[in-house]
C-alpha atoms as a PDB file:
ATOM      1  CA  UNK A   1     -11.412  -4.366  -5.031  1.00  0.00           C
ATOM      2  CA  UNK A   2      -9.651  -3.246  -8.231  1.00  0.00           C
ATOM      3  CA  UNK A   3      -6.135  -4.460  -8.891  1.00  0.00           C
ATOM      4  CA  UNK A   4      -3.356  -2.111  -7.846  1.00  0.00           C
ATOM      5  CA  UNK A   5      -1.521  -2.992 -11.032  1.00  0.00           C
ATOM      6  CA  UNK A   6       1.792  -3.662  -9.291  1.00  0.00           C
ATOM      7  CA  UNK A   7       3.405  -6.460 -11.360  1.00  0.00           C
ATOM      8  CA  UNK A   8       6.019  -7.212  -8.688  1.00  0.00           C
ATOM      9  CA  UNK A   9       3.403  -8.680  -6.322  1.00  0.00           C
ATOM     10  CA  UNK A  10       2.704 -11.737  -8.477  1.00  0.00           C
ATOM     11  CA  UNK A  11       4.845 -14.063  -6.320  1.00  0.00           C
ATOM     12  CA  UNK A  12       2.918 -13.168  -3.142  1.00  0.00           C
ATOM     13  CA  UNK A  13      -0.036 -15.030  -1.651  1.00  0.00           C
ATOM     14  CA  UNK A  14      -3.516 -14.105  -2.853  1.00  0.00           C
ATOM     15  CA  UNK A  15      -4.259 -12.699   0.606  1.00  0.00           C
ATOM     16  CA  UNK A  16      -1.228 -10.398   0.426  1.00  0.00           C
ATOM     17  CA  UNK A  17      -2.105  -9.213  -3.082  1.00  0.00           C
ATOM     18  CA  UNK A  18      -5.682  -8.432  -1.971  1.00  0.00           C
ATOM     19  CA  UNK A  19      -4.340  -6.467   1.003  1.00  0.00           C
ATOM     20  CA  UNK A  20      -1.974  -4.483  -1.225  1.00  0.00           C
ATOM     21  CA  UNK A  21      -4.811  -3.813  -3.677  1.00  0.00           C
ATOM     22  CA  UNK A  22      -6.908  -2.522  -0.771  1.00  0.00           C
ATOM     23  CA  UNK A  23      -4.319  -0.157   0.694  1.00  0.00           C
ATOM     24  CA  UNK A  24      -3.475   1.114  -2.799  1.00  0.00           C
ATOM     25  CA  UNK A  25      -7.162   1.676  -3.585  1.00  0.00           C
ATOM     26  CA  UNK A  26      -7.640   3.804  -0.463  1.00  0.00           C
ATOM     27  CA  UNK A  27      -4.433   5.776  -1.076  1.00  0.00           C
ATOM     28  CA  UNK A  28      -2.647   4.420   1.971  1.00  0.00           C
ATOM     29  CA  UNK A  29       0.251   3.326  -0.200  1.00  0.00           C
ATOM     30  CA  UNK A  30       1.437   4.571  -3.540  1.00  0.00           C
ATOM     31  CA  UNK A  31       4.129   1.961  -4.017  1.00  0.00           C
ATOM     32  CA  UNK A  32       7.757   2.826  -4.601  1.00  0.00           C
ATOM     33  CA  UNK A  33       6.902   4.013  -8.111  1.00  0.00           C
ATOM     34  CA  UNK A  34       3.692   4.157 -10.163  1.00  0.00           C
ATOM     35  CA  UNK A  35       4.328   0.581 -11.356  1.00  0.00           C
ATOM     36  CA  UNK A  36       6.313  -0.948  -8.471  1.00  0.00           C
ATOM     37  CA  UNK A  37       5.307  -1.935  -4.953  1.00  0.00           C
ATOM     38  CA  UNK A  38       8.645  -3.471  -3.846  1.00  0.00           C
ATOM     39  CA  UNK A  39       7.103  -5.955  -1.381  1.00  0.00           C
ATOM     40  CA  UNK A  40      10.473  -7.295  -0.242  1.00  0.00           C
ATOM     41  CA  UNK A  41      12.050  -3.910   0.577  1.00  0.00           C
ATOM     42  CA  UNK A  42      12.485  -2.668   4.130  1.00  0.00           C
ATOM     43  CA  UNK A  43      10.073  -0.078   5.492  1.00  0.00           C
ATOM     44  CA  UNK A  44      11.379   3.057   7.191  1.00  0.00           C
ATOM     45  CA  UNK A  45       9.730   4.704  10.176  1.00  0.00           C
ATOM     46  CA  UNK A  46       8.922   7.696   7.986  1.00  0.00           C
ATOM     47  CA  UNK A  47       7.109   5.447   5.509  1.00  0.00           C
ATOM     48  CA  UNK A  48       5.184   3.795   8.343  1.00  0.00           C
ATOM     49  CA  UNK A  49       4.180   7.202   9.677  1.00  0.00           C
ATOM     50  CA  UNK A  50       2.836   8.149   6.238  1.00  0.00           C
ATOM     51  CA  UNK A  51       0.848   4.893   6.087  1.00  0.00           C
ATOM     52  CA  UNK A  52      -0.690   5.611   9.489  1.00  0.00           C
ATOM     53  CA  UNK A  53      -1.611   9.206   8.604  1.00  0.00           C
ATOM     54  CA  UNK A  54      -3.129   8.102   5.277  1.00  0.00           C
ATOM     55  CA  UNK A  55      -5.101   5.384   7.083  1.00  0.00           C
ATOM     56  CA  UNK A  56      -6.425   7.875   9.619  1.00  0.00           C
ATOM     57  CA  UNK A  57      -7.366  10.237   6.814  1.00  0.00           C
ATOM     58  CA  UNK A  58      -9.163   7.468   4.899  1.00  0.00           C
ATOM     59  CA  UNK A  59     -11.150   6.796   8.107  1.00  0.00           C
ATOM     60  CA  UNK A  60     -12.089  10.465   8.411  1.00  0.00           C
ATOM     61  CA  UNK A  61      -9.769  11.276  11.305  1.00  0.00           C
ATOM     62  CA  UNK A  62      -8.382  14.803  11.049  1.00  0.00           C
ATOM     63  CA  UNK A  63      -4.735  15.346  11.899  1.00  0.00           C
END
């Protein structure tokens, strides 16, 4: 999996970084900016809804 390029994930576990790289690769997350993931920020319900819709779309589920 290619690196997401988010420099603010360096203090996370390797497993977490790989997971972030994966969801970024499939377009499920875009980070909080093109160069920031903000792994310690809170997640809103609206953001979670977008993650779920993007995941469904990546799996071929039509909304």
